[in-house]
Amino acid sequence: MSITIADVAARAGVSKTTVSRVLNGKGELDLRTAERVRQVIAELGYVPSARAVGLARGRTRIVGMLVPSLTWPWMGEVLQGAVDVVETEGYGLLLFTFNRGEESMQQFASQVSAQSFDGLLVIEPEGTLTYIEQLHARGLPVVLIDDRAKRPQFPSVATTNKAGGESAARHLLELGRHRPLVITGVERFGCTHERLDGFRDTYAEAGLELDPRLVFEGDFTHESGRRGVQYALDQRLEFDAIFAHNDLSAGGAIQAVRETGRNVPNDVSVIGFDDIPYAEHTEPPLTTVHQPMRQMGQAAARMLMAYFAGTPLPEDPQVLPTTLIVRSSTAPKPAHHTLRPKK
């Protein structure tokens, strides 16, 4: 006679709904209750699905992934990279976002308590790093993607933000651009500091100090690119190039410059950062620093798959290089071309 969910519930002393929640990883559950249900599943040999088989053996064959939001411009590339590896290995992906703030984290924490997944990939929602480190310390395998220079106490996959800033600066210097406007990312992000440091240091090595008035704090949005250009014009600051810390703000900067009647790239050359699909469709197409986002998702997922197969997680970050992609938004500086505020 086959074992039913009612048999499991009766033996564990819980409701059928509770057993279902354990099997599906849904709802808030007491950790001891969930463990007792799993023990009964194993004892009775209850097998309603492939997922239940995994639970009975102590494995879900599910990888969790926690991200801030699906609206970030490069998020789809990271997710696709992770999915490519996870599904190839016969695992599923359980995705969590931080869209609703604390409510989202409570829902995520309930899934952690129910042991709904075997390991976790994370693009850190702001303010959650300490909690994620605690999960890792308690034994949950965790890999962080895009560490933003925070160097967490668990494995991570990062890219060369500082070297990306350096390559942007070298390109502009080779084009004779000596008065760059920098539209940064959010100041509290480590990647913002790394990109600015690499860019500033490279100009300094060429004997050119960045004008601090030409460093404008943006927020990675299209509108902040427009605001950065308008700020420089309002302050009557001359510039012949723009380095924006992502492609969206670079696109906004291009629009703002062209609306003044100036030409991109001749009057002002513009470089972005990320190389999202949008970068190919700005007018003109955007020169940018390519971040290997899909490869970062793949690398992080491979770390977890290797761990499940018995390979320890690496202690040091895996760092994938950025590369400069030259398109039509940058060009050599013609004589006497520096963007001056119109009188």
C-alpha atoms as a PDB file:
ATOM      1  CA  MET A   1       0.000   0.000   0.000  1.00  0.00           C
ATOM      2  CA  SER A   2       1.454   3.384  -1.002  1.00  0.00           C
ATOM      3  CA  ILE A   3       2.360   5.975   1.617  1.00  0.00           C
ATOM      4  CA  THR A   4       0.300   9.191   1.471  1.00  0.00           C
ATOM      5  CA  ILE A   5       0.885  12.726   2.666  1.00  0.00           C
ATOM      6  CA  ALA A   6      -1.683  12.021   5.399  1.00  0.00           C
ATOM      7  CA  ASP A   7       0.511   9.175   6.682  1.00  0.00           C
ATOM      8  CA  VAL A   8       3.485  11.517   6.877  1.00  0.00           C
ATOM      9  CA  ALA A   9       1.411  14.166   8.685  1.00  0.00           C
ATOM     10  CA  ALA A  10       0.054  11.668  11.209  1.00  0.00           C
ATOM     11  CA  ARG A  11       3.467  10.199  12.004  1.00  0.00           C
ATOM     12  CA  ALA A  12       5.057  13.675  12.347  1.00  0.00           C
ATOM     13  CA  GLY A  13       2.173  15.069  14.381  1.00  0.00           C
ATOM     14  CA  VAL A  14       1.526  17.948  11.990  1.00  0.00           C
ATOM     15  CA  SER A  15      -1.099  18.913   9.426  1.00  0.00           C
ATOM     16  CA  LYS A  16      -1.002  17.896   5.780  1.00  0.00           C
ATOM     17  CA  THR A  17      -0.552  21.589   4.983  1.00  0.00           C
ATOM     18  CA  THR A  18       2.645  21.662   7.035  1.00  0.00           C
ATOM     19  CA  VAL A  19       4.004  18.631   5.187  1.00  0.00           C
ATOM     20  CA  SER A  20       3.165  20.303   1.888  1.00  0.00           C
ATOM     21  CA  ARG A  21       4.984  23.465   2.954  1.00  0.00           C
ATOM     22  CA  VAL A  22       8.075  21.471   3.819  1.00  0.00           C
ATOM     23  CA  LEU A  23       7.966  19.731   0.441  1.00  0.00           C
ATOM     24  CA  ASN A  24       7.422  22.931  -1.513  1.00  0.00           C
ATOM     25  CA  GLY A  25       9.571  25.256   0.589  1.00  0.00           C
ATOM     26  CA  LYS A  26       6.680  27.670   1.105  1.00  0.00           C
ATOM     27  CA  GLY A  27       5.575  29.535   4.206  1.00  0.00           C
ATOM     28  CA  GLU A  28       7.269  30.159   7.534  1.00  0.00           C
ATOM     29  CA  LEU A  29       8.189  26.952   9.380  1.00  0.00           C
ATOM     30  CA  ASP A  30       9.870  26.138  12.641  1.00  0.00           C
ATOM     31  CA  LEU A  31      13.227  24.568  11.832  1.00  0.00           C
ATOM     32  CA  ARG A  32      12.707  21.621  14.205  1.00  0.00           C
ATOM     33  CA  THR A  33       9.267  20.920  12.772  1.00  0.00           C
ATOM     34  CA  ALA A  34      10.602  20.940   9.242  1.00  0.00           C
ATOM     35  CA  GLU A  35      13.407  18.584  10.221  1.00  0.00           C
ATOM     36  CA  ARG A  36      10.961  16.200  11.953  1.00  0.00           C
ATOM     37  CA  VAL A  37       8.809  16.078   8.814  1.00  0.00           C
ATOM     38  CA  ARG A  38      11.846  15.290   6.676  1.00  0.00           C
ATOM     39  CA  GLN A  39      12.822  12.476   9.033  1.00  0.00           C
ATOM     40  CA  VAL A  40       9.362  10.948   8.754  1.00  0.00           C
ATOM     41  CA  ILE A  41       9.487  11.282   4.951  1.00  0.00           C
ATOM     42  CA  ALA A  42      12.749   9.363   5.004  1.00  0.00           C
ATOM     43  CA  GLU A  43      11.467   6.722   7.443  1.00  0.00           C
ATOM     44  CA  LEU A  44       8.271   6.066   5.502  1.00  0.00           C
ATOM     45  CA  GLY A  45       9.860   6.377   2.079  1.00  0.00           C
ATOM     46  CA  TYR A  46       7.206   8.826   0.919  1.00  0.00           C
ATOM     47  CA  VAL A  47       7.949   9.749  -2.707  1.00  0.00           C
ATOM     48  CA  PRO A  48       5.352  12.090  -4.248  1.00  0.00           C
ATOM     49  CA  SER A  49       7.813  13.764  -6.614  1.00  0.00           C
ATOM     50  CA  ALA A  50      11.431  14.036  -7.592  1.00  0.00           C
ATOM     51  CA  ARG A  51      11.743  17.005  -5.234  1.00  0.00           C
ATOM     52  CA  ALA A  52      10.575  14.878  -2.299  1.00  0.00           C
ATOM     53  CA  VAL A  53      13.205  12.299  -3.166  1.00  0.00           C
ATOM     54  CA  GLY A  54      15.817  15.016  -2.904  1.00  0.00           C
ATOM     55  CA  LEU A  55      14.488  16.173   0.447  1.00  0.00           C
ATOM     56  CA  ALA A  56      14.511  12.640   1.820  1.00  0.00           C
ATOM     57  CA  ARG A  57      18.170  12.370   0.877  1.00  0.00           C
ATOM     58  CA  GLY A  58      18.983  15.743   2.394  1.00  0.00           C
ATOM     59  CA  ARG A  59      19.333  17.466  -0.998  1.00  0.00           C
ATOM     60  CA  THR A  60      16.765  19.574  -2.816  1.00  0.00           C
ATOM     61  CA  ARG A  61      18.740  19.916  -6.072  1.00  0.00           C
ATOM     62  CA  ILE A  62      17.644  23.543  -5.946  1.00  0.00           C
ATOM     63  CA  VAL A  63      19.958  26.570  -5.929  1.00  0.00           C
ATOM     64  CA  GLY A  64      18.646  29.763  -4.334  1.00  0.00           C
ATOM     65  CA  MET A  65      19.485  33.145  -5.815  1.00  0.00           C
ATOM     66  CA  LEU A  66      18.968  36.435  -3.973  1.00  0.00           C
ATOM     67  CA  VAL A  67      19.107  39.699  -5.954  1.00  0.00           C
ATOM     68  CA  PRO A  68      18.135  43.317  -5.227  1.00  0.00           C
ATOM     69  CA  SER A  69      15.787  43.693  -8.191  1.00  0.00           C
ATOM     70  CA  LEU A  70      15.212  42.361 -11.670  1.00  0.00           C
ATOM     71  CA  THR A  71      15.192  45.898 -13.086  1.00  0.00           C
ATOM     72  CA  TRP A  72      18.971  46.436 -12.890  1.00  0.00           C
ATOM     73  CA  PRO A  73      20.189  46.782 -16.494  1.00  0.00           C
ATOM     74  CA  TRP A  74      22.649  43.868 -16.416  1.00  0.00           C
ATOM     75  CA  MET A  75      20.682  41.545 -14.129  1.00  0.00           C
ATOM     76  CA  GLY A  76      19.312  39.417 -16.967  1.00  0.00           C
ATOM     77  CA  GLU A  77      22.816  38.578 -18.162  1.00  0.00           C
ATOM     78  CA  VAL A  78      23.901  37.388 -14.708  1.00  0.00           C
ATOM     79  CA  LEU A  79      20.748  35.310 -14.266  1.00  0.00           C
ATOM     80  CA  GLN A  80      21.136  33.719 -17.683  1.00  0.00           C
ATOM     81  CA  GLY A  81      24.722  32.791 -16.905  1.00  0.00           C
ATOM     82  CA  ALA A  82      23.725  31.142 -13.628  1.00  0.00           C
ATOM     83  CA  VAL A  83      20.757  29.333 -15.198  1.00  0.00           C
ATOM     84  CA  ASP A  84      22.948  28.008 -18.029  1.00  0.00           C
ATOM     85  CA  VAL A  85      25.120  26.150 -15.513  1.00  0.00           C
ATOM     86  CA  VAL A  86      22.497  25.194 -12.933  1.00  0.00           C
ATOM     87  CA  GLU A  87      20.075  23.637 -15.409  1.00  0.00           C
ATOM     88  CA  THR A  88      22.846  21.830 -17.279  1.00  0.00           C
ATOM     89  CA  GLU A  89      23.728  20.121 -13.997  1.00  0.00           C
ATOM     90  CA  GLY A  90      20.124  19.060 -13.409  1.00  0.00           C
ATOM     91  CA  TYR A  91      19.379  21.632 -10.690  1.00  0.00           C
ATOM     92  CA  GLY A  92      16.575  24.166 -10.477  1.00  0.00           C
ATOM     93  CA  LEU A  93      16.861  27.848  -9.561  1.00  0.00           C
ATOM     94  CA  LEU A  94      14.702  29.483  -6.870  1.00  0.00           C
ATOM     95  CA  LEU A  95      14.831  33.271  -7.293  1.00  0.00           C
ATOM     96  CA  PHE A  96      14.286  35.851  -4.543  1.00  0.00           C
ATOM     97  CA  THR A  97      14.256  39.635  -4.903  1.00  0.00           C
ATOM     98  CA  PHE A  98      14.475  42.464  -2.368  1.00  0.00           C
ATOM     99  CA  ASN A  99      11.688  44.446  -4.027  1.00  0.00           C
ATOM    100  CA  ARG A 100       9.601  44.753  -0.854  1.00  0.00           C
ATOM    101  CA  GLY A 101      12.463  45.352   1.549  1.00  0.00           C
ATOM    102  CA  GLU A 102      12.024  43.778   4.961  1.00  0.00           C
ATOM    103  CA  GLU A 103       8.981  41.793   3.870  1.00  0.00           C
ATOM    104  CA  SER A 104      11.025  40.229   1.074  1.00  0.00           C
ATOM    105  CA  MET A 105      13.810  39.317   3.498  1.00  0.00           C
ATOM    106  CA  GLN A 106      11.355  37.697   5.909  1.00  0.00           C
ATOM    107  CA  GLN A 107      10.025  35.559   3.089  1.00  0.00           C
ATOM    108  CA  PHE A 108      13.569  34.665   2.067  1.00  0.00           C
ATOM    109  CA  ALA A 109      14.487  33.812   5.676  1.00  0.00           C
ATOM    110  CA  SER A 110      11.519  31.436   5.934  1.00  0.00           C
ATOM    111  CA  GLN A 111      12.813  29.567   2.881  1.00  0.00           C
ATOM    112  CA  VAL A 112      16.262  29.378   4.457  1.00  0.00           C
ATOM    113  CA  SER A 113      14.702  27.930   7.634  1.00  0.00           C
ATOM    114  CA  ALA A 114      12.801  25.374   5.578  1.00  0.00           C
ATOM    115  CA  GLN A 115      16.088  24.410   3.865  1.00  0.00           C
ATOM    116  CA  SER A 116      14.465  24.926   0.494  1.00  0.00           C
ATOM    117  CA  PHE A 117      17.767  25.019  -1.416  1.00  0.00           C
ATOM    118  CA  ASP A 118      21.219  23.481  -1.222  1.00  0.00           C
ATOM    119  CA  GLY A 119      23.293  26.604  -1.850  1.00  0.00           C
ATOM    120  CA  LEU A 120      22.894  30.304  -2.531  1.00  0.00           C
ATOM    121  CA  LEU A 121      24.036  32.736  -5.223  1.00  0.00           C
ATOM    122  CA  VAL A 122      23.828  36.390  -4.129  1.00  0.00           C
ATOM    123  CA  ILE A 123      23.946  39.799  -5.719  1.00  0.00           C
ATOM    124  CA  GLU A 124      23.806  41.651  -2.431  1.00  0.00           C
ATOM    125  CA  PRO A 125      20.675  43.659  -1.669  1.00  0.00           C
ATOM    126  CA  GLU A 126      21.956  46.694   0.189  1.00  0.00           C
ATOM    127  CA  GLY A 127      22.374  46.138   3.921  1.00  0.00           C
ATOM    128  CA  THR A 128      22.118  42.332   3.870  1.00  0.00           C
ATOM    129  CA  LEU A 129      25.794  41.336   3.725  1.00  0.00           C
ATOM    130  CA  THR A 130      26.121  40.631   7.471  1.00  0.00           C
ATOM    131  CA  TYR A 131      23.075  38.351   7.378  1.00  0.00           C
ATOM    132  CA  ILE A 132      24.431  36.495   4.338  1.00  0.00           C
ATOM    133  CA  GLU A 133      27.774  36.054   6.105  1.00  0.00           C
ATOM    134  CA  GLN A 134      25.919  34.545   9.075  1.00  0.00           C
ATOM    135  CA  LEU A 135      24.158  32.070   6.797  1.00  0.00           C
ATOM    136  CA  HIS A 136      27.522  31.045   5.353  1.00  0.00           C
ATOM    137  CA  ALA A 137      29.007  30.689   8.842  1.00  0.00           C
ATOM    138  CA  ARG A 138      26.109  28.383   9.797  1.00  0.00           C
ATOM    139  CA  GLY A 139      26.942  26.075   6.919  1.00  0.00           C
ATOM    140  CA  LEU A 140      24.973  27.314   3.885  1.00  0.00           C
ATOM    141  CA  PRO A 141      27.225  27.371   0.795  1.00  0.00           C
ATOM    142  CA  VAL A 142      27.159  30.946  -0.537  1.00  0.00           C
ATOM    143  CA  VAL A 143      28.823  32.624  -3.527  1.00  0.00           C
ATOM    144  CA  LEU A 144      28.586  36.403  -3.982  1.00  0.00           C
ATOM    145  CA  ILE A 145      28.443  37.886  -7.482  1.00  0.00           C
ATOM    146  CA  ASP A 146      29.746  41.460  -7.966  1.00  0.00           C
ATOM    147  CA  ASP A 147      31.259  42.066  -4.522  1.00  0.00           C
ATOM    148  CA  ARG A 148      31.428  45.885  -5.054  1.00  0.00           C
ATOM    149  CA  ALA A 149      34.865  45.816  -3.389  1.00  0.00           C
ATOM    150  CA  LYS A 150      33.477  44.678  -0.018  1.00  0.00           C
ATOM    151  CA  ARG A 151      35.560  41.461   0.135  1.00  0.00           C
ATOM    152  CA  PRO A 152      33.064  39.345   2.116  1.00  0.00           C
ATOM    153  CA  GLN A 153      33.936  36.436   4.388  1.00  0.00           C
ATOM    154  CA  PHE A 154      32.801  33.896   1.805  1.00  0.00           C
ATOM    155  CA  PRO A 155      33.536  33.070  -1.853  1.00  0.00           C
ATOM    156  CA  SER A 156      32.833  35.665  -4.518  1.00  0.00           C
ATOM    157  CA  VAL A 157      33.118  36.423  -8.213  1.00  0.00           C
ATOM    158  CA  ALA A 158      34.134  39.965  -9.094  1.00  0.00           C
ATOM    159  CA  THR A 159      35.421  41.999 -11.998  1.00  0.00           C
ATOM    160  CA  THR A 160      38.249  44.498 -12.426  1.00  0.00           C
ATOM    161  CA  ASN A 161      36.517  47.800 -11.750  1.00  0.00           C
ATOM    162  CA  LYS A 162      39.745  49.704 -11.161  1.00  0.00           C
ATOM    163  CA  ALA A 163      41.370  48.319 -14.301  1.00  0.00           C
ATOM    164  CA  GLY A 164      38.200  49.243 -16.198  1.00  0.00           C
ATOM    165  CA  GLY A 165      38.560  52.839 -15.049  1.00  0.00           C
ATOM    166  CA  GLU A 166      42.195  52.772 -16.081  1.00  0.00           C
ATOM    167  CA  SER A 167      41.371  51.524 -19.581  1.00  0.00           C
ATOM    168  CA  ALA A 168      38.756  54.260 -20.023  1.00  0.00           C
ATOM    169  CA  ALA A 169      41.309  56.892 -19.026  1.00  0.00           C
ATOM    170  CA  ARG A 170      44.026  55.503 -21.306  1.00  0.00           C
ATOM    171  CA  HIS A 171      41.635  55.551 -24.250  1.00  0.00           C
ATOM    172  CA  LEU A 172      40.660  59.177 -23.672  1.00  0.00           C
ATOM    173  CA  LEU A 173      44.259  60.222 -23.168  1.00  0.00           C
ATOM    174  CA  GLU A 174      45.243  58.544 -26.443  1.00  0.00           C
ATOM    175  CA  LEU A 175      42.529  60.620 -28.108  1.00  0.00           C
ATOM    176  CA  GLY A 176      43.965  63.842 -26.658  1.00  0.00           C
ATOM    177  CA  ARG A 177      41.111  64.343 -24.178  1.00  0.00           C
ATOM    178  CA  HIS A 178      42.530  66.179 -21.159  1.00  0.00           C
ATOM    179  CA  ARG A 179      39.436  67.700 -19.514  1.00  0.00           C
ATOM    180  CA  PRO A 180      37.101  64.797 -18.658  1.00  0.00           C
ATOM    181  CA  LEU A 181      33.845  65.152 -16.770  1.00  0.00           C
ATOM    182  CA  VAL A 182      33.307  62.084 -14.559  1.00  0.00           C
ATOM    183  CA  ILE A 183      29.738  61.105 -13.693  1.00  0.00           C
ATOM    184  CA  THR A 184      30.199  58.558 -10.927  1.00  0.00           C
ATOM    185  CA  GLY A 185      27.950  55.883  -9.508  1.00  0.00           C
ATOM    186  CA  VAL A 186      26.510  55.887  -6.013  1.00  0.00           C
ATOM    187  CA  GLU A 187      29.224  57.078  -3.625  1.00  0.00           C
ATOM    188  CA  ARG A 188      28.724  54.341  -1.021  1.00  0.00           C
ATOM    189  CA  PHE A 189      29.392  51.536  -3.523  1.00  0.00           C
ATOM    190  CA  GLY A 190      32.926  50.197  -3.597  1.00  0.00           C
ATOM    191  CA  CYS A 191      32.820  49.803  -7.383  1.00  0.00           C
ATOM    192  CA  THR A 192      32.301  53.563  -7.701  1.00  0.00           C
ATOM    193  CA  HIS A 193      35.522  54.257  -5.782  1.00  0.00           C
ATOM    194  CA  GLU A 194      37.478  51.645  -7.731  1.00  0.00           C
ATOM    195  CA  ARG A 195      36.388  52.996 -11.125  1.00  0.00           C
ATOM    196  CA  LEU A 196      37.146  56.574 -10.100  1.00  0.00           C
ATOM    197  CA  ASP A 197      40.505  55.655  -8.540  1.00  0.00           C
ATOM    198  CA  GLY A 198      41.636  53.805 -11.658  1.00  0.00           C
ATOM    199  CA  PHE A 199      40.582  56.671 -13.905  1.00  0.00           C
ATOM    200  CA  ARG A 200      42.069  59.409 -11.707  1.00  0.00           C
ATOM    201  CA  ASP A 201      45.361  57.555 -11.147  1.00  0.00           C
ATOM    202  CA  THR A 202      45.878  57.019 -14.866  1.00  0.00           C
ATOM    203  CA  TYR A 203      45.387  60.709 -15.600  1.00  0.00           C
ATOM    204  CA  ALA A 204      47.765  61.550 -12.753  1.00  0.00           C
ATOM    205  CA  GLU A 205      50.417  59.237 -14.210  1.00  0.00           C
ATOM    206  CA  ALA A 206      50.111  61.224 -17.449  1.00  0.00           C
ATOM    207  CA  GLY A 207      50.776  64.436 -15.525  1.00  0.00           C
ATOM    208  CA  LEU A 208      47.131  65.555 -15.532  1.00  0.00           C
ATOM    209  CA  GLU A 209      45.158  66.024 -12.339  1.00  0.00           C
ATOM    210  CA  LEU A 210      41.384  65.687 -12.569  1.00  0.00           C
ATOM    211  CA  ASP A 211      39.567  68.901 -11.765  1.00  0.00           C
ATOM    212  CA  PRO A 212      37.571  67.943  -8.633  1.00  0.00           C
ATOM    213  CA  ARG A 213      34.787  70.231  -9.834  1.00  0.00           C
ATOM    214  CA  LEU A 214      34.388  67.919 -12.814  1.00  0.00           C
ATOM    215  CA  VAL A 215      33.571  64.893 -10.649  1.00  0.00           C
ATOM    216  CA  PHE A 216      29.791  64.685 -10.320  1.00  0.00           C
ATOM    217  CA  GLU A 217      28.112  62.088  -8.093  1.00  0.00           C
ATOM    218  CA  GLY A 218      25.422  60.278 -10.048  1.00  0.00           C
ATOM    219  CA  ASP A 219      23.248  57.298  -9.213  1.00  0.00           C
ATOM    220  CA  PHE A 220      23.589  55.008 -12.254  1.00  0.00           C
ATOM    221  CA  THR A 221      20.447  56.417 -13.903  1.00  0.00           C
ATOM    222  CA  HIS A 222      19.875  57.968 -17.313  1.00  0.00           C
ATOM    223  CA  GLU A 223      18.701  61.160 -15.643  1.00  0.00           C
ATOM    224  CA  SER A 224      21.863  61.470 -13.536  1.00  0.00           C
ATOM    225  CA  GLY A 225      23.876  61.526 -16.773  1.00  0.00           C
ATOM    226  CA  ARG A 226      21.809  64.455 -17.965  1.00  0.00           C
ATOM    227  CA  ARG A 227      22.161  66.185 -14.588  1.00  0.00           C
ATOM    228  CA  GLY A 228      25.927  65.772 -14.614  1.00  0.00           C
ATOM    229  CA  VAL A 229      26.260  67.535 -17.954  1.00  0.00           C
ATOM    230  CA  GLN A 230      23.862  70.292 -16.926  1.00  0.00           C
ATOM    231  CA  TYR A 231      25.762  70.794 -13.661  1.00  0.00           C
ATOM    232  CA  ALA A 232      29.051  71.307 -15.527  1.00  0.00           C
ATOM    233  CA  LEU A 233      27.439  73.741 -17.945  1.00  0.00           C
ATOM    234  CA  ASP A 234      25.755  75.673 -15.143  1.00  0.00           C
ATOM    235  CA  GLN A 235      29.115  75.947 -13.369  1.00  0.00           C
ATOM    236  CA  ARG A 236      30.696  77.135 -16.645  1.00  0.00           C
ATOM    237  CA  LEU A 237      33.210  74.276 -16.556  1.00  0.00           C
ATOM    238  CA  GLU A 238      34.948  73.292 -19.785  1.00  0.00           C
ATOM    239  CA  PHE A 239      35.253  69.566 -20.657  1.00  0.00           C
ATOM    240  CA  ASP A 240      36.113  67.567 -23.771  1.00  0.00           C
ATOM    241  CA  ALA A 241      35.135  64.059 -22.611  1.00  0.00           C
ATOM    242  CA  ILE A 242      32.801  62.243 -20.240  1.00  0.00           C
ATOM    243  CA  PHE A 243      33.443  59.036 -18.298  1.00  0.00           C
ATOM    244  CA  ALA A 244      30.138  57.785 -16.904  1.00  0.00           C
ATOM    245  CA  HIS A 245      30.145  54.906 -14.433  1.00  0.00           C
ATOM    246  CA  ASN A 246      27.465  52.994 -16.274  1.00  0.00           C
ATOM    247  CA  ASP A 247      25.886  52.909 -19.708  1.00  0.00           C
ATOM    248  CA  LEU A 248      22.546  54.384 -18.666  1.00  0.00           C
ATOM    249  CA  SER A 249      24.121  57.548 -17.298  1.00  0.00           C
ATOM    250  CA  ALA A 250      26.414  57.712 -20.336  1.00  0.00           C
ATOM    251  CA  GLY A 251      23.336  57.619 -22.576  1.00  0.00           C
ATOM    252  CA  GLY A 252      21.798  60.473 -20.618  1.00  0.00           C
ATOM    253  CA  ALA A 253      25.007  62.450 -20.929  1.00  0.00           C
ATOM    254  CA  ILE A 254      25.110  61.957 -24.696  1.00  0.00           C
ATOM    255  CA  GLN A 255      21.569  63.261 -25.020  1.00  0.00           C
ATOM    256  CA  ALA A 256      22.310  66.290 -22.851  1.00  0.00           C
ATOM    257  CA  VAL A 257      25.434  67.183 -24.841  1.00  0.00           C
ATOM    258  CA  ARG A 258      23.695  66.840 -28.204  1.00  0.00           C
ATOM    259  CA  GLU A 259      20.800  69.004 -27.027  1.00  0.00           C
ATOM    260  CA  THR A 260      23.262  71.868 -26.636  1.00  0.00           C
ATOM    261  CA  GLY A 261      24.120  71.578 -30.336  1.00  0.00           C
ATOM    262  CA  ARG A 262      27.493  69.954 -29.722  1.00  0.00           C
ATOM    263  CA  ASN A 263      28.710  66.853 -31.489  1.00  0.00           C
ATOM    264  CA  VAL A 264      29.481  63.486 -29.888  1.00  0.00           C
ATOM    265  CA  PRO A 265      32.222  62.332 -30.358  1.00  0.00           C
ATOM    266  CA  ASN A 266      34.069  65.321 -31.864  1.00  0.00           C
ATOM    267  CA  ASP A 267      33.227  68.052 -29.359  1.00  0.00           C
ATOM    268  CA  VAL A 268      32.826  65.635 -26.460  1.00  0.00           C
ATOM    269  CA  SER A 269      33.776  61.953 -26.405  1.00  0.00           C
ATOM    270  CA  VAL A 270      31.762  59.717 -24.064  1.00  0.00           C
ATOM    271  CA  ILE A 271      32.634  56.389 -22.397  1.00  0.00           C
ATOM    272  CA  GLY A 272      30.282  54.247 -20.311  1.00  0.00           C
ATOM    273  CA  PHE A 273      30.690  51.129 -18.182  1.00  0.00           C
ATOM    274  CA  ASP A 274      28.897  47.721 -18.296  1.00  0.00           C
ATOM    275  CA  ASP A 275      28.283  47.127 -22.042  1.00  0.00           C
ATOM    276  CA  ILE A 276      24.603  46.320 -21.680  1.00  0.00           C
ATOM    277  CA  PRO A 277      22.650  45.832 -24.964  1.00  0.00           C
ATOM    278  CA  TYR A 278      21.514  49.481 -24.770  1.00  0.00           C
ATOM    279  CA  ALA A 279      25.108  50.595 -25.411  1.00  0.00           C
ATOM    280  CA  GLU A 280      24.929  49.474 -29.041  1.00  0.00           C
ATOM    281  CA  HIS A 281      21.800  51.536 -29.646  1.00  0.00           C
ATOM    282  CA  THR A 282      22.688  54.973 -28.323  1.00  0.00           C
ATOM    283  CA  GLU A 283      23.274  57.661 -30.944  1.00  0.00           C
ATOM    284  CA  PRO A 284      26.148  57.354 -31.613  1.00  0.00           C
ATOM    285  CA  PRO A 285      26.818  53.793 -30.354  1.00  0.00           C
ATOM    286  CA  LEU A 286      28.600  53.914 -27.024  1.00  0.00           C
ATOM    287  CA  THR A 287      32.232  53.166 -26.307  1.00  0.00           C
ATOM    288  CA  THR A 288      32.159  51.378 -22.969  1.00  0.00           C
ATOM    289  CA  VAL A 289      33.960  49.109 -20.516  1.00  0.00           C
ATOM    290  CA  HIS A 290      32.548  45.607 -20.839  1.00  0.00           C
ATOM    291  CA  GLN A 291      31.752  43.747 -17.628  1.00  0.00           C
ATOM    292  CA  PRO A 292      31.561  39.961 -18.175  1.00  0.00           C
ATOM    293  CA  MET A 293      28.224  39.676 -16.358  1.00  0.00           C
ATOM    294  CA  ARG A 294      27.045  36.407 -17.926  1.00  0.00           C
ATOM    295  CA  GLN A 295      30.437  34.846 -17.283  1.00  0.00           C
ATOM    296  CA  MET A 296      30.280  36.015 -13.665  1.00  0.00           C
ATOM    297  CA  GLY A 297      26.933  34.260 -13.225  1.00  0.00           C
ATOM    298  CA  GLN A 298      28.353  31.126 -14.813  1.00  0.00           C
ATOM    299  CA  ALA A 299      31.497  31.179 -12.678  1.00  0.00           C
ATOM    300  CA  ALA A 300      29.539  31.581  -9.436  1.00  0.00           C
ATOM    301  CA  ALA A 301      27.175  28.741 -10.327  1.00  0.00           C
ATOM    302  CA  ARG A 302      30.116  26.499 -11.256  1.00  0.00           C
ATOM    303  CA  MET A 303      31.611  27.119  -7.809  1.00  0.00           C
ATOM    304  CA  LEU A 304      28.451  25.787  -6.179  1.00  0.00           C
ATOM    305  CA  MET A 305      28.205  22.818  -8.530  1.00  0.00           C
ATOM    306  CA  ALA A 306      31.834  21.925  -7.803  1.00  0.00           C
ATOM    307  CA  TYR A 307      31.140  22.210  -4.075  1.00  0.00           C
ATOM    308  CA  PHE A 308      28.189  19.838  -4.338  1.00  0.00           C
ATOM    309  CA  ALA A 309      30.542  17.404  -6.095  1.00  0.00           C
ATOM    310  CA  GLY A 310      33.043  17.561  -3.241  1.00  0.00           C
ATOM    311  CA  THR A 311      35.394  20.426  -4.151  1.00  0.00           C
ATOM    312  CA  PRO A 312      35.840  23.001  -1.337  1.00  0.00           C
ATOM    313  CA  LEU A 313      34.736  26.530  -2.093  1.00  0.00           C
ATOM    314  CA  PRO A 314      37.727  28.795  -2.869  1.00  0.00           C
ATOM    315  CA  GLU A 315      38.859  31.263  -0.234  1.00  0.00           C
ATOM    316  CA  ASP A 316      39.953  33.981  -2.654  1.00  0.00           C
ATOM    317  CA  PRO A 317      37.646  35.869  -5.033  1.00  0.00           C
ATOM    318  CA  GLN A 318      37.564  34.802  -8.650  1.00  0.00           C
ATOM    319  CA  VAL A 319      38.193  37.958 -10.664  1.00  0.00           C
ATOM    320  CA  LEU A 320      37.157  38.205 -14.312  1.00  0.00           C
ATOM    321  CA  PRO A 321      38.688  41.003 -16.420  1.00  0.00           C
ATOM    322  CA  THR A 322      36.883  43.954 -17.958  1.00  0.00           C
ATOM    323  CA  THR A 323      37.586  44.919 -21.563  1.00  0.00           C
ATOM    324  CA  LEU A 324      37.234  48.215 -23.421  1.00  0.00           C
ATOM    325  CA  ILE A 325      34.754  48.109 -26.312  1.00  0.00           C
ATOM    326  CA  VAL A 326      35.385  50.990 -28.743  1.00  0.00           C
ATOM    327  CA  ARG A 327      32.400  52.208 -30.724  1.00  0.00           C
ATOM    328  CA  SER A 328      31.491  55.583 -32.209  1.00  0.00           C
ATOM    329  CA  SER A 329      31.060  57.822 -29.148  1.00  0.00           C
ATOM    330  CA  THR A 330      34.795  58.490 -28.862  1.00  0.00           C
ATOM    331  CA  ALA A 331      37.172  60.028 -31.406  1.00  0.00           C
ATOM    332  CA  PRO A 332      40.465  61.969 -31.533  1.00  0.00           C
ATOM    333  CA  LYS A 333      40.087  65.538 -30.376  1.00  0.00           C
ATOM    334  CA  PRO A 334      40.123  68.053 -33.238  1.00  0.00           C
ATOM    335  CA  ALA A 335      41.966  71.297 -32.660  1.00  0.00           C
ATOM    336  CA  HIS A 336      40.205  73.740 -30.333  1.00  0.00           C
ATOM    337  CA  HIS A 337      37.346  71.394 -29.375  1.00  0.00           C
ATOM    338  CA  THR A 338      36.488  71.687 -25.704  1.00  0.00           C
ATOM    339  CA  LEU A 339      32.889  72.037 -24.579  1.00  0.00           C
ATOM    340  CA  ARG A 340      32.484  75.558 -23.280  1.00  0.00           C
ATOM    341  CA  PRO A 341      29.249  76.836 -21.789  1.00  0.00           C
ATOM    342  CA  LYS A 342      27.323  78.896 -24.290  1.00  0.00           C
ATOM    343  CA  LYS A 343      27.021  82.569 -23.452  1.00  0.00           C
END
